[in-house]
Amino acid sequence: MSPDVLDEQRRRVLEALCHTIVPGSARVWPTVYIEALLTHMPEPARDATLAAIDSLADVADGGADALRERAATPEFMMVRALAVEAFYSDFVAPGAPGPGAWEEIDFNSPLATRLEKDWSYLGVGA
């Protein structure tokens, strides 16, 4: 599968959704993480995720108020799970301004500070 699973329209919609669902996440470029996951998903899961993004396209730019009416839908919950994972896993895409979530929430326990994150399994460079 090509690394370009998201066309420009879907990427724009997903960026808006991530920003609304996890304010401030845009600085780590969560769509890079989500697209990398999509390339490794089995086709039925990938198709369901793309359909979920598409189903929220009409409200993506409307902010939290527009999303509120869809918050209990499986499609919203799927996109929400991906947006939260993309940010709170402490992923920062190469070239993204950051900082990551762990710095923002001051997650600096001795074990966390020694952890070296490796996103190579996603095919995303360090």
PDB file of N, CA and C in Angstrom:
ATOM      1  N   MET A   1       0.838  -1.180   0.000  1.00  0.00           N
ATOM      2  CA  MET A   1       0.000   0.000   0.000  1.00  0.00           C
ATOM      3  C   MET A   1       0.877   1.236   0.000  1.00  0.00           C
ATOM      4  N   SER A   2       0.478   2.193  -0.761  1.00  0.00           N
ATOM      5  CA  SER A   2       1.186   3.476  -0.826  1.00  0.00           C
ATOM      6  C   SER A   2       1.100   4.204   0.505  1.00  0.00           C
ATOM      7  N   PRO A   3       2.166   4.931   0.875  1.00  0.00           N
ATOM      8  CA  PRO A   3       2.086   5.715   2.108  1.00  0.00           C
ATOM      9  C   PRO A   3       1.067   6.852   2.006  1.00  0.00           C
ATOM     10  N   ASP A   4       0.595   7.154   0.804  1.00  0.00           N
ATOM     11  CA  ASP A   4      -0.380   8.222   0.619  1.00  0.00           C
ATOM     12  C   ASP A   4      -1.794   7.651   0.615  1.00  0.00           C
ATOM     13  N   VAL A   5      -2.228   7.193   1.782  1.00  0.00           N
ATOM     14  CA  VAL A   5      -3.565   6.642   1.925  1.00  0.00           C
ATOM     15  C   VAL A   5      -4.594   7.760   1.921  1.00  0.00           C
ATOM     16  N   LEU A   6      -4.227   8.890   2.485  1.00  0.00           N
ATOM     17  CA  LEU A   6      -5.135  10.031   2.580  1.00  0.00           C
ATOM     18  C   LEU A   6      -4.931  10.974   1.404  1.00  0.00           C
ATOM     19  N   ASP A   7      -6.019  11.274   0.709  1.00  0.00           N
ATOM     20  CA  ASP A   7      -5.914  12.331  -0.297  1.00  0.00           C
ATOM     21  C   ASP A   7      -5.955  13.676   0.429  1.00  0.00           C
ATOM     22  N   GLU A   8      -5.764  14.742  -0.284  1.00  0.00           N
ATOM     23  CA  GLU A   8      -5.680  16.069   0.348  1.00  0.00           C
ATOM     24  C   GLU A   8      -6.955  16.422   1.107  1.00  0.00           C
ATOM     25  N   GLN A   9      -8.111  16.083   0.552  1.00  0.00           N
ATOM     26  CA  GLN A   9      -9.376  16.393   1.232  1.00  0.00           C
ATOM     27  C   GLN A   9      -9.474  15.640   2.555  1.00  0.00           C
ATOM     28  N   ARG A  10      -9.212  14.350   2.536  1.00  0.00           N
ATOM     29  CA  ARG A  10      -9.269  13.572   3.782  1.00  0.00           C
ATOM     30  C   ARG A  10      -8.224  14.053   4.783  1.00  0.00           C
ATOM     31  N   ARG A  11      -7.050  14.384   4.305  1.00  0.00           N
ATOM     32  CA  ARG A  11      -5.992  14.869   5.199  1.00  0.00           C
ATOM     33  C   ARG A  11      -6.437  16.168   5.877  1.00  0.00           C
ATOM     34  N   ARG A  12      -7.027  17.062   5.128  1.00  0.00           N
ATOM     35  CA  ARG A  12      -7.508  18.326   5.675  1.00  0.00           C
ATOM     36  C   ARG A  12      -8.614  18.080   6.703  1.00  0.00           C
ATOM     37  N   VAL A  13      -9.537  17.188   6.384  1.00  0.00           N
ATOM     38  CA  VAL A  13     -10.623  16.852   7.309  1.00  0.00           C
ATOM     39  C   VAL A  13     -10.048  16.246   8.583  1.00  0.00           C
ATOM     40  N   LEU A  14      -9.127  15.306   8.436  1.00  0.00           N
ATOM     41  CA  LEU A  14      -8.535  14.646   9.597  1.00  0.00           C
ATOM     42  C   LEU A  14      -7.745  15.639  10.450  1.00  0.00           C
ATOM     43  N   GLU A  15      -7.027  16.549   9.822  1.00  0.00           N
ATOM     44  CA  GLU A  15      -6.305  17.582  10.580  1.00  0.00           C
ATOM     45  C   GLU A  15      -7.269  18.422  11.413  1.00  0.00           C
ATOM     46  N   ALA A  16      -8.379  18.815  10.801  1.00  0.00           N
ATOM     47  CA  ALA A  16      -9.369  19.614  11.527  1.00  0.00           C
ATOM     48  C   ALA A  16      -9.976  18.821  12.676  1.00  0.00           C
ATOM     49  N   LEU A  17     -10.283  17.554  12.431  1.00  0.00           N
ATOM     50  CA  LEU A  17     -10.855  16.710  13.478  1.00  0.00           C
ATOM     51  C   LEU A  17      -9.876  16.530  14.632  1.00  0.00           C
ATOM     52  N   CYS A  18      -8.622  16.231  14.318  1.00  0.00           N
ATOM     53  CA  CYS A  18      -7.612  16.053  15.367  1.00  0.00           C
ATOM     54  C   CYS A  18      -7.460  17.328  16.193  1.00  0.00           C
ATOM     55  N   HIS A  19      -7.449  18.463  15.530  1.00  0.00           N
ATOM     56  CA  HIS A  19      -7.287  19.739  16.235  1.00  0.00           C
ATOM     57  C   HIS A  19      -8.461  19.992  17.180  1.00  0.00           C
ATOM     58  N   THR A  20      -9.653  19.642  16.745  1.00  0.00           N
ATOM     59  CA  THR A  20     -10.829  19.855  17.589  1.00  0.00           C
ATOM     60  C   THR A  20     -10.898  18.847  18.726  1.00  0.00           C
ATOM     61  N   ILE A  21     -10.603  17.612  18.435  1.00  0.00           N
ATOM     62  CA  ILE A  21     -10.707  16.550  19.433  1.00  0.00           C
ATOM     63  C   ILE A  21      -9.588  16.648  20.467  1.00  0.00           C
ATOM     64  N   VAL A  22      -8.374  16.955  20.007  1.00  0.00           N
ATOM     65  CA  VAL A  22      -7.225  17.097  20.908  1.00  0.00           C
ATOM     66  C   VAL A  22      -6.584  18.460  20.626  1.00  0.00           C
ATOM     67  N   PRO A  23      -7.124  19.515  21.250  1.00  0.00           N
ATOM     68  CA  PRO A  23      -6.589  20.852  20.990  1.00  0.00           C
ATOM     69  C   PRO A  23      -5.074  20.915  21.239  1.00  0.00           C
ATOM     70  N   GLY A  24      -4.387  21.531  20.302  1.00  0.00           N
ATOM     71  CA  GLY A  24      -2.931  21.649  20.405  1.00  0.00           C
ATOM     72  C   GLY A  24      -2.177  20.533  19.718  1.00  0.00           C
ATOM     73  N   SER A  25      -2.883  19.491  19.306  1.00  0.00           N
ATOM     74  CA  SER A  25      -2.188  18.344  18.706  1.00  0.00           C
ATOM     75  C   SER A  25      -1.622  18.638  17.328  1.00  0.00           C
ATOM     76  N   ALA A  26      -2.097  19.674  16.685  1.00  0.00           N
ATOM     77  CA  ALA A  26      -1.616  19.988  15.333  1.00  0.00           C
ATOM     78  C   ALA A  26      -0.109  20.155  15.290  1.00  0.00           C
ATOM     79  N   ARG A  27       0.500  20.570  16.390  1.00  0.00           N
ATOM     80  CA  ARG A  27       1.944  20.828  16.395  1.00  0.00           C
ATOM     81  C   ARG A  27       2.788  19.553  16.280  1.00  0.00           C
ATOM     82  N   VAL A  28       2.178  18.367  16.441  1.00  0.00           N
ATOM     83  CA  VAL A  28       2.931  17.119  16.283  1.00  0.00           C
ATOM     84  C   VAL A  28       2.582  16.410  14.972  1.00  0.00           C
ATOM     85  N   TRP A  29       1.705  16.997  14.179  1.00  0.00           N
ATOM     86  CA  TRP A  29       1.256  16.449  12.904  1.00  0.00           C
ATOM     87  C   TRP A  29       0.677  15.045  13.074  1.00  0.00           C
ATOM     88  N   PRO A  30      -0.428  14.921  13.807  1.00  0.00           N
ATOM     89  CA  PRO A  30      -1.005  13.610  14.083  1.00  0.00           C
ATOM     90  C   PRO A  30      -1.447  12.848  12.841  1.00  0.00           C
ATOM     91  N   THR A  31      -1.726  13.557  11.762  1.00  0.00           N
ATOM     92  CA  THR A  31      -2.143  12.852  10.551  1.00  0.00           C
ATOM     93  C   THR A  31      -1.022  11.969   9.999  1.00  0.00           C
ATOM     94  N   VAL A  32       0.222  12.333  10.247  1.00  0.00           N
ATOM     95  CA  VAL A  32       1.350  11.494   9.814  1.00  0.00           C
ATOM     96  C   VAL A  32       1.285  10.147  10.530  1.00  0.00           C
ATOM     97  N   TYR A  33       1.049  10.188  11.828  1.00  0.00           N
ATOM     98  CA  TYR A  33       0.933   8.961  12.628  1.00  0.00           C
ATOM     99  C   TYR A  33      -0.258   8.130  12.162  1.00  0.00           C
ATOM    100  N   ILE A  34      -1.411   8.782  12.010  1.00  0.00           N
ATOM    101  CA  ILE A  34      -2.621   8.050  11.640  1.00  0.00           C
ATOM    102  C   ILE A  34      -2.486   7.462  10.246  1.00  0.00           C
ATOM    103  N   GLU A  35      -1.923   8.204   9.317  1.00  0.00           N
ATOM    104  CA  GLU A  35      -1.747   7.666   7.969  1.00  0.00           C
ATOM    105  C   GLU A  35      -0.787   6.479   7.973  1.00  0.00           C
ATOM    106  N   ALA A  36       0.246   6.553   8.785  1.00  0.00           N
ATOM    107  CA  ALA A  36       1.170   5.411   8.889  1.00  0.00           C
ATOM    108  C   ALA A  36       0.436   4.186   9.427  1.00  0.00           C
ATOM    109  N   LEU A  37      -0.426   4.377  10.423  1.00  0.00           N
ATOM    110  CA  LEU A  37      -1.233   3.248  10.913  1.00  0.00           C
ATOM    111  C   LEU A  37      -2.123   2.696   9.810  1.00  0.00           C
ATOM    112  N   LEU A  38      -2.739   3.591   9.057  1.00  0.00           N
ATOM    113  CA  LEU A  38      -3.630   3.158   7.982  1.00  0.00           C
ATOM    114  C   LEU A  38      -2.921   2.280   6.959  1.00  0.00           C
ATOM    115  N   THR A  39      -1.658   2.579   6.672  1.00  0.00           N
ATOM    116  CA  THR A  39      -0.934   1.779   5.676  1.00  0.00           C
ATOM    117  C   THR A  39      -0.717   0.341   6.145  1.00  0.00           C
ATOM    118  N   HIS A  40      -0.754   0.135   7.465  1.00  0.00           N
ATOM    119  CA  HIS A  40      -0.513  -1.204   8.013  1.00  0.00           C
ATOM    120  C   HIS A  40      -1.787  -1.932   8.419  1.00  0.00           C
ATOM    121  N   MET A  41      -2.923  -1.271   8.317  1.00  0.00           N
ATOM    122  CA  MET A  41      -4.186  -1.892   8.697  1.00  0.00           C
ATOM    123  C   MET A  41      -4.642  -2.869   7.627  1.00  0.00           C
ATOM    124  N   PRO A  42      -5.333  -3.926   8.047  1.00  0.00           N
ATOM    125  CA  PRO A  42      -5.995  -4.777   7.049  1.00  0.00           C
ATOM    126  C   PRO A  42      -7.020  -3.934   6.280  1.00  0.00           C
ATOM    127  N   GLU A  43      -7.258  -4.287   5.057  1.00  0.00           N
ATOM    128  CA  GLU A  43      -8.123  -3.480   4.194  1.00  0.00           C
ATOM    129  C   GLU A  43      -9.496  -3.169   4.803  1.00  0.00           C
ATOM    130  N   PRO A  44     -10.182  -4.128   5.421  1.00  0.00           N
ATOM    131  CA  PRO A  44     -11.495  -3.786   5.995  1.00  0.00           C
ATOM    132  C   PRO A  44     -11.405  -2.717   7.095  1.00  0.00           C
ATOM    133  N   ALA A  45     -10.392  -2.778   7.932  1.00  0.00           N
ATOM    134  CA  ALA A  45     -10.221  -1.783   8.994  1.00  0.00           C
ATOM    135  C   ALA A  45      -9.854  -0.427   8.402  1.00  0.00           C
ATOM    136  N   ARG A  46      -8.995  -0.438   7.399  1.00  0.00           N
ATOM    137  CA  ARG A  46      -8.603   0.815   6.743  1.00  0.00           C
ATOM    138  C   ARG A  46      -9.820   1.453   6.074  1.00  0.00           C
ATOM    139  N   ASP A  47     -10.610   0.638   5.371  1.00  0.00           N
ATOM    140  CA  ASP A  47     -11.797   1.169   4.700  1.00  0.00           C
ATOM    141  C   ASP A  47     -12.791   1.743   5.709  1.00  0.00           C
ATOM    142  N   ALA A  48     -12.952   1.074   6.840  1.00  0.00           N
ATOM    143  CA  ALA A  48     -13.862   1.571   7.883  1.00  0.00           C
ATOM    144  C   ALA A  48     -13.358   2.883   8.456  1.00  0.00           C
ATOM    145  N   THR A  49     -12.060   3.006   8.632  1.00  0.00           N
ATOM    146  CA  THR A  49     -11.489   4.241   9.161  1.00  0.00           C
ATOM    147  C   THR A  49     -11.655   5.382   8.168  1.00  0.00           C
ATOM    148  N   LEU A  50     -11.393   5.123   6.919  1.00  0.00           N
ATOM    149  CA  LEU A  50     -11.577   6.158   5.898  1.00  0.00           C
ATOM    150  C   LEU A  50     -13.046   6.575   5.805  1.00  0.00           C
ATOM    151  N   ALA A  51     -13.950   5.609   5.917  1.00  0.00           N
ATOM    152  CA  ALA A  51     -15.384   5.927   5.903  1.00  0.00           C
ATOM    153  C   ALA A  51     -15.760   6.770   7.121  1.00  0.00           C
ATOM    154  N   ALA A  52     -15.138   6.485   8.262  1.00  0.00           N
ATOM    155  CA  ALA A  52     -15.407   7.269   9.471  1.00  0.00           C
ATOM    156  C   ALA A  52     -14.963   8.717   9.279  1.00  0.00           C
ATOM    157  N   ILE A  53     -13.785   8.898   8.703  1.00  0.00           N
ATOM    158  CA  ILE A  53     -13.291  10.258   8.420  1.00  0.00           C
ATOM    159  C   ILE A  53     -14.265  10.959   7.472  1.00  0.00           C
ATOM    160  N   ASP A  54     -14.666  10.255   6.412  1.00  0.00           N
ATOM    161  CA  ASP A  54     -15.579  10.841   5.431  1.00  0.00           C
ATOM    162  C   ASP A  54     -16.917  11.223   6.068  1.00  0.00           C
ATOM    163  N   SER A  55     -17.386  10.403   7.002  1.00  0.00           N
ATOM    164  CA  SER A  55     -18.697  10.663   7.606  1.00  0.00           C
ATOM    165  C   SER A  55     -18.694  11.912   8.480  1.00  0.00           C
ATOM    166  N   LEU A  56     -17.521  12.356   8.888  1.00  0.00           N
ATOM    167  CA  LEU A  56     -17.409  13.547   9.735  1.00  0.00           C
ATOM    168  C   LEU A  56     -16.968  14.786   8.952  1.00  0.00           C
ATOM    169  N   ALA A  57     -16.764  14.630   7.660  1.00  0.00           N
ATOM    170  CA  ALA A  57     -16.237  15.724   6.841  1.00  0.00           C
ATOM    171  C   ALA A  57     -17.127  16.961   6.878  1.00  0.00           C
ATOM    172  N   ASP A  58     -18.435  16.768   6.912  1.00  0.00           N
ATOM    173  CA  ASP A  58     -19.329  17.919   6.854  1.00  0.00           C
ATOM    174  C   ASP A  58     -19.335  18.744   8.135  1.00  0.00           C
ATOM    175  N   VAL A  59     -18.808  18.190   9.223  1.00  0.00           N
ATOM    176  CA  VAL A  59     -18.762  18.931  10.491  1.00  0.00           C
ATOM    177  C   VAL A  59     -17.332  19.193  10.972  1.00  0.00           C
ATOM    178  N   ALA A  60     -16.359  18.775  10.193  1.00  0.00           N
ATOM    179  CA  ALA A  60     -14.955  18.859  10.629  1.00  0.00           C
ATOM    180  C   ALA A  60     -14.511  20.278  10.935  1.00  0.00           C
ATOM    181  N   ASP A  61     -14.970  21.235  10.177  1.00  0.00           N
ATOM    182  CA  ASP A  61     -14.541  22.621  10.368  1.00  0.00           C
ATOM    183  C   ASP A  61     -15.433  23.398  11.331  1.00  0.00           C
ATOM    184  N   GLY A  62     -16.414  22.730  11.917  1.00  0.00           N
ATOM    185  CA  GLY A  62     -17.361  23.418  12.781  1.00  0.00           C
ATOM    186  C   GLY A  62     -16.991  23.467  14.241  1.00  0.00           C
ATOM    187  N   GLY A  63     -15.846  22.884  14.591  1.00  0.00           N
ATOM    188  CA  GLY A  63     -15.409  22.904  15.982  1.00  0.00           C
ATOM    189  C   GLY A  63     -16.180  21.932  16.859  1.00  0.00           C
ATOM    190  N   ALA A  64     -15.996  22.083  18.151  1.00  0.00           N
ATOM    191  CA  ALA A  64     -16.588  21.162  19.124  1.00  0.00           C
ATOM    192  C   ALA A  64     -18.102  21.144  19.062  1.00  0.00           C
ATOM    193  N   ASP A  65     -18.732  22.287  18.844  1.00  0.00           N
ATOM    194  CA  ASP A  65     -20.193  22.324  18.793  1.00  0.00           C
ATOM    195  C   ASP A  65     -20.726  21.464  17.659  1.00  0.00           C
ATOM    196  N   ALA A  66     -20.091  21.517  16.515  1.00  0.00           N
ATOM    197  CA  ALA A  66     -20.543  20.720  15.376  1.00  0.00           C
ATOM    198  C   ALA A  66     -20.318  19.226  15.610  1.00  0.00           C
ATOM    199  N   LEU A  67     -19.220  18.881  16.263  1.00  0.00           N
ATOM    200  CA  LEU A  67     -18.928  17.466  16.525  1.00  0.00           C
ATOM    201  C   LEU A  67     -19.780  16.883  17.646  1.00  0.00           C
ATOM    202  N   ARG A  68     -20.251  17.716  18.531  1.00  0.00           N
ATOM    203  CA  ARG A  68     -20.989  17.258  19.708  1.00  0.00           C
ATOM    204  C   ARG A  68     -22.148  16.339  19.333  1.00  0.00           C
ATOM    205  N   GLU A  69     -22.882  16.676  18.287  1.00  0.00           N
ATOM    206  CA  GLU A  69     -24.033  15.858  17.903  1.00  0.00           C
ATOM    207  C   GLU A  69     -23.630  14.492  17.344  1.00  0.00           C
ATOM    208  N   ARG A  70     -22.372  14.319  17.011  1.00  0.00           N
ATOM    209  CA  ARG A  70     -21.892  13.031  16.486  1.00  0.00           C
ATOM    210  C   ARG A  70     -21.032  12.272  17.496  1.00  0.00           C
ATOM    211  N   ALA A  71     -20.879  12.811  18.681  1.00  0.00           N
ATOM    212  CA  ALA A  71     -19.935  12.265  19.665  1.00  0.00           C
ATOM    213  C   ALA A  71     -20.233  10.827  20.079  1.00  0.00           C
ATOM    214  N   ALA A  72     -21.451  10.381  19.982  1.00  0.00           N
ATOM    215  CA  ALA A  72     -21.788   9.013  20.395  1.00  0.00           C
ATOM    216  C   ALA A  72     -21.755   8.021  19.237  1.00  0.00           C
ATOM    217  N   THR A  73     -21.365   8.466  18.066  1.00  0.00           N
ATOM    218  CA  THR A  73     -21.356   7.565  16.912  1.00  0.00           C
ATOM    219  C   THR A  73     -20.071   6.743  16.879  1.00  0.00           C
ATOM    220  N   PRO A  74     -20.152   5.544  16.341  1.00  0.00           N
ATOM    221  CA  PRO A  74     -18.936   4.728  16.215  1.00  0.00           C
ATOM    222  C   PRO A  74     -17.860   5.404  15.365  1.00  0.00           C
ATOM    223  N   GLU A  75     -18.282   6.157  14.365  1.00  0.00           N
ATOM    224  CA  GLU A  75     -17.317   6.829  13.492  1.00  0.00           C
ATOM    225  C   GLU A  75     -16.524   7.880  14.266  1.00  0.00           C
ATOM    226  N   PHE A  76     -17.219   8.677  15.060  1.00  0.00           N
ATOM    227  CA  PHE A  76     -16.526   9.677  15.867  1.00  0.00           C
ATOM    228  C   PHE A  76     -15.585   8.992  16.856  1.00  0.00           C
ATOM    229  N   MET A  77     -16.061   7.944  17.499  1.00  0.00           N
ATOM    230  CA  MET A  77     -15.236   7.262  18.500  1.00  0.00           C
ATOM    231  C   MET A  77     -13.976   6.666  17.879  1.00  0.00           C
ATOM    232  N   MET A  78     -14.085   6.180  16.645  1.00  0.00           N
ATOM    233  CA  MET A  78     -12.905   5.638  15.960  1.00  0.00           C
ATOM    234  C   MET A  78     -11.887   6.742  15.689  1.00  0.00           C
ATOM    235  N   VAL A  79     -12.356   7.852  15.142  1.00  0.00           N
ATOM    236  CA  VAL A  79     -11.448   8.964  14.838  1.00  0.00           C
ATOM    237  C   VAL A  79     -10.886   9.544  16.127  1.00  0.00           C
ATOM    238  N   ARG A  80     -11.710   9.643  17.155  1.00  0.00           N
ATOM    239  CA  ARG A  80     -11.251  10.153  18.451  1.00  0.00           C
ATOM    240  C   ARG A  80     -10.133   9.280  19.007  1.00  0.00           C
ATOM    241  N   ALA A  81     -10.315   7.965  18.957  1.00  0.00           N
ATOM    242  CA  ALA A  81      -9.289   7.047  19.473  1.00  0.00           C
ATOM    243  C   ALA A  81      -7.969   7.251  18.737  1.00  0.00           C
ATOM    244  N   LEU A  82      -8.017   7.410  17.433  1.00  0.00           N
ATOM    245  CA  LEU A  82      -6.794   7.614  16.658  1.00  0.00           C
ATOM    246  C   LEU A  82      -6.149   8.963  16.963  1.00  0.00           C
ATOM    247  N   ALA A  83      -6.952  10.006  17.091  1.00  0.00           N
ATOM    248  CA  ALA A  83      -6.418  11.340  17.393  1.00  0.00           C
ATOM    249  C   ALA A  83      -5.751  11.357  18.764  1.00  0.00           C
ATOM    250  N   VAL A  84      -6.389  10.738  19.736  1.00  0.00           N
ATOM    251  CA  VAL A  84      -5.829  10.698  21.090  1.00  0.00           C
ATOM    252  C   VAL A  84      -4.542   9.879  21.105  1.00  0.00           C
ATOM    253  N   GLU A  85      -4.559   8.725  20.440  1.00  0.00           N
ATOM    254  CA  GLU A  85      -3.357   7.889  20.382  1.00  0.00           C
ATOM    255  C   GLU A  85      -2.213   8.620  19.691  1.00  0.00           C
ATOM    256  N   ALA A  86      -2.524   9.302  18.591  1.00  0.00           N
ATOM    257  CA  ALA A  86      -1.481  10.008  17.842  1.00  0.00           C
ATOM    258  C   ALA A  86      -0.792  11.057  18.696  1.00  0.00           C
ATOM    259  N   PHE A  87      -1.532  11.702  19.572  1.00  0.00           N
ATOM    260  CA  PHE A  87      -0.929  12.753  20.398  1.00  0.00           C
ATOM    261  C   PHE A  87      -0.332  12.193  21.679  1.00  0.00           C
ATOM    262  N   TYR A  88      -1.108  11.460  22.440  1.00  0.00           N
ATOM    263  CA  TYR A  88      -0.656  11.046  23.767  1.00  0.00           C
ATOM    264  C   TYR A  88       0.315   9.866  23.770  1.00  0.00           C
ATOM    265  N   SER A  89       0.588   9.296  22.601  1.00  0.00           N
ATOM    266  CA  SER A  89       1.674   8.311  22.526  1.00  0.00           C
ATOM    267  C   SER A  89       3.022   9.028  22.516  1.00  0.00           C
ATOM    268  N   ASP A  90       2.980  10.344  22.429  1.00  0.00           N
ATOM    269  CA  ASP A  90       4.140  11.226  22.392  1.00  0.00           C
ATOM    270  C   ASP A  90       4.831  11.215  21.042  1.00  0.00           C
ATOM    271  N   PHE A  91       4.085  10.883  20.012  1.00  0.00           N
ATOM    272  CA  PHE A  91       4.594  10.946  18.652  1.00  0.00           C
ATOM    273  C   PHE A  91       4.763  12.404  18.242  1.00  0.00           C
ATOM    274  N   VAL A  92       5.886  12.707  17.612  1.00  0.00           N
ATOM    275  CA  VAL A  92       6.118  14.001  16.970  1.00  0.00           C
ATOM    276  C   VAL A  92       6.691  13.667  15.598  1.00  0.00           C
ATOM    277  N   ALA A  93       5.968  14.008  14.548  1.00  0.00           N
ATOM    278  CA  ALA A  93       6.409  13.691  13.193  1.00  0.00           C
ATOM    279  C   ALA A  93       7.714  14.399  12.869  1.00  0.00           C
ATOM    280  N   PRO A  94       8.557  13.774  12.060  1.00  0.00           N
ATOM    281  CA  PRO A  94       9.781  14.451  11.629  1.00  0.00           C
ATOM    282  C   PRO A  94       9.448  15.796  10.986  1.00  0.00           C
ATOM    283  N   GLY A  95      10.082  16.843  11.468  1.00  0.00           N
ATOM    284  CA  GLY A  95       9.855  18.180  10.944  1.00  0.00           C
ATOM    285  C   GLY A  95       8.758  18.954  11.654  1.00  0.00           C
ATOM    286  N   ALA A  96       7.958  18.273  12.472  1.00  0.00           N
ATOM    287  CA  ALA A  96       6.890  18.961  13.203  1.00  0.00           C
ATOM    288  C   ALA A  96       7.493  19.811  14.317  1.00  0.00           C
ATOM    289  N   PRO A  97       6.862  20.943  14.633  1.00  0.00           N
ATOM    290  CA  PRO A  97       7.444  21.829  15.636  1.00  0.00           C
ATOM    291  C   PRO A  97       7.426  21.271  17.057  1.00  0.00           C
ATOM    292  N   GLY A  98       6.445  20.377  17.373  1.00  0.00           N
ATOM    293  CA  GLY A  98       6.372  19.863  18.737  1.00  0.00           C
ATOM    294  C   GLY A  98       6.106  20.980  19.721  1.00  0.00           C
ATOM    295  N   PRO A  99       6.271  20.774  20.986  1.00  0.00           N
ATOM    296  CA  PRO A  99       6.733  19.551  21.631  1.00  0.00           C
ATOM    297  C   PRO A  99       5.629  18.502  21.687  1.00  0.00           C
ATOM    298  N   GLY A 100       6.022  17.314  22.106  1.00  0.00           N
ATOM    299  CA  GLY A 100       5.073  16.229  22.245  1.00  0.00           C
ATOM    300  C   GLY A 100       4.225  16.356  23.496  1.00  0.00           C
ATOM    301  N   ALA A 101       3.265  15.471  23.599  1.00  0.00           N
ATOM    302  CA  ALA A 101       2.311  15.503  24.716  1.00  0.00           C
ATOM    303  C   ALA A 101       2.979  15.289  26.064  1.00  0.00           C
ATOM    304  N   TRP A 102       3.956  14.412  26.127  1.00  0.00           N
ATOM    305  CA  TRP A 102       4.550  14.098  27.427  1.00  0.00           C
ATOM    306  C   TRP A 102       5.186  15.322  28.052  1.00  0.00           C
ATOM    307  N   GLU A 103       5.808  16.159  27.232  1.00  0.00           N
ATOM    308  CA  GLU A 103       6.388  17.393  27.764  1.00  0.00           C
ATOM    309  C   GLU A 103       5.274  18.331  28.244  1.00  0.00           C
ATOM    310  N   GLU A 104       4.215  18.418  27.463  1.00  0.00           N
ATOM    311  CA  GLU A 104       3.106  19.301  27.822  1.00  0.00           C
ATOM    312  C   GLU A 104       2.458  18.909  29.144  1.00  0.00           C
ATOM    313  N   ILE A 105       2.285  17.610  29.357  1.00  0.00           N
ATOM    314  CA  ILE A 105       1.615  17.173  30.593  1.00  0.00           C
ATOM    315  C   ILE A 105       2.611  16.865  31.707  1.00  0.00           C
ATOM    316  N   ASP A 106       3.879  17.154  31.452  1.00  0.00           N
ATOM    317  CA  ASP A 106       4.935  16.954  32.446  1.00  0.00           C
ATOM    318  C   ASP A 106       5.029  15.495  32.895  1.00  0.00           C
ATOM    319  N   PHE A 107       4.954  14.608  31.907  1.00  0.00           N
ATOM    320  CA  PHE A 107       5.085  13.178  32.174  1.00  0.00           C
ATOM    321  C   PHE A 107       6.578  12.851  32.153  1.00  0.00           C
ATOM    322  N   ASN A 108       7.202  12.927  33.293  1.00  0.00           N
ATOM    323  CA  ASN A 108       8.657  12.791  33.340  1.00  0.00           C
ATOM    324  C   ASN A 108       9.122  11.872  34.459  1.00  0.00           C
ATOM    325  N   SER A 109       8.391  10.784  34.637  1.00  0.00           N
ATOM    326  CA  SER A 109       8.840   9.824  35.643  1.00  0.00           C
ATOM    327  C   SER A 109      10.194   9.266  35.210  1.00  0.00           C
ATOM    328  N   PRO A 110      10.979   8.716  36.130  1.00  0.00           N
ATOM    329  CA  PRO A 110      12.298   8.204  35.755  1.00  0.00           C
ATOM    330  C   PRO A 110      12.256   7.199  34.603  1.00  0.00           C
ATOM    331  N   LEU A 111      11.257   6.331  34.578  1.00  0.00           N
ATOM    332  CA  LEU A 111      11.170   5.376  33.469  1.00  0.00           C
ATOM    333  C   LEU A 111      10.814   6.069  32.159  1.00  0.00           C
ATOM    334  N   ALA A 112       9.906   7.011  32.212  1.00  0.00           N
ATOM    335  CA  ALA A 112       9.494   7.709  30.989  1.00  0.00           C
ATOM    336  C   ALA A 112      10.635   8.515  30.394  1.00  0.00           C
ATOM    337  N   THR A 113      11.455   9.121  31.221  1.00  0.00           N
ATOM    338  CA  THR A 113      12.538   9.951  30.698  1.00  0.00           C
ATOM    339  C   THR A 113      13.637   9.115  30.054  1.00  0.00           C
ATOM    340  N   ARG A 114      13.726   7.837  30.402  1.00  0.00           N
ATOM    341  CA  ARG A 114      14.740   6.963  29.795  1.00  0.00           C
ATOM    342  C   ARG A 114      14.229   6.248  28.547  1.00  0.00           C
ATOM    343  N   LEU A 115      12.954   6.346  28.292  1.00  0.00           N
ATOM    344  CA  LEU A 115      12.356   5.654  27.156  1.00  0.00           C
ATOM    345  C   LEU A 115      12.789   6.296  25.844  1.00  0.00           C
ATOM    346  N   GLU A 116      13.290   5.474  24.956  1.00  0.00           N
ATOM    347  CA  GLU A 116      13.629   5.950  23.619  1.00  0.00           C
ATOM    348  C   GLU A 116      12.563   5.446  22.666  1.00  0.00           C
ATOM    349  N   LYS A 117      11.764   6.365  22.162  1.00  0.00           N
ATOM    350  CA  LYS A 117      10.653   5.999  21.287  1.00  0.00           C
ATOM    351  C   LYS A 117      11.192   5.677  19.897  1.00  0.00           C
ATOM    352  N   ASP A 118      10.661   4.614  19.338  1.00  0.00           N
ATOM    353  CA  ASP A 118      11.078   4.168  18.013  1.00  0.00           C
ATOM    354  C   ASP A 118       9.829   3.979  17.163  1.00  0.00           C
ATOM    355  N   TRP A 119       9.642   4.856  16.204  1.00  0.00           N
ATOM    356  CA  TRP A 119       8.463   4.793  15.350  1.00  0.00           C
ATOM    357  C   TRP A 119       8.756   4.070  14.045  1.00  0.00           C
ATOM    358  N   SER A 120       9.879   3.387  13.957  1.00  0.00           N
ATOM    359  CA  SER A 120      10.268   2.753  12.700  1.00  0.00           C
ATOM    360  C   SER A 120       9.262   1.691  12.253  1.00  0.00           C
ATOM    361  N   TYR A 121       8.563   1.070  13.200  1.00  0.00           N
ATOM    362  CA  TYR A 121       7.579   0.059  12.816  1.00  0.00           C
ATOM    363  C   TYR A 121       6.448   0.676  11.983  1.00  0.00           C
ATOM    364  N   LEU A 122       6.288   1.986  12.086  1.00  0.00           N
ATOM    365  CA  LEU A 122       5.283   2.674  11.302  1.00  0.00           C
ATOM    366  C   LEU A 122       5.816   3.129   9.944  1.00  0.00           C
ATOM    367  N   GLY A 123       7.123   3.057   9.796  1.00  0.00           N
ATOM    368  CA  GLY A 123       7.722   3.555   8.560  1.00  0.00           C
ATOM    369  C   GLY A 123       7.905   5.070   8.582  1.00  0.00           C
ATOM    370  N   VAL A 124       7.880   5.648   9.784  1.00  0.00           N
ATOM    371  CA  VAL A 124       8.055   7.082   9.958  1.00  0.00           C
ATOM    372  C   VAL A 124       9.451   7.304  10.510  1.00  0.00           C
ATOM    373  N   GLY A 125      10.259   8.103   9.805  1.00  0.00           N
ATOM    374  CA  GLY A 125      11.628   8.362  10.232  1.00  0.00           C
ATOM    375  C   GLY A 125      11.692   9.111  11.539  1.00  0.00           C
ATOM    376  N   ALA A 126      12.832   8.999  12.184  1.00  0.00           N
ATOM    377  CA  ALA A 126      13.018   9.675  13.470  1.00  0.00           C
ATOM    378  C   ALA A 126      13.383  11.121  13.304  1.00  0.00           C
TER     379      ALA A 126
END
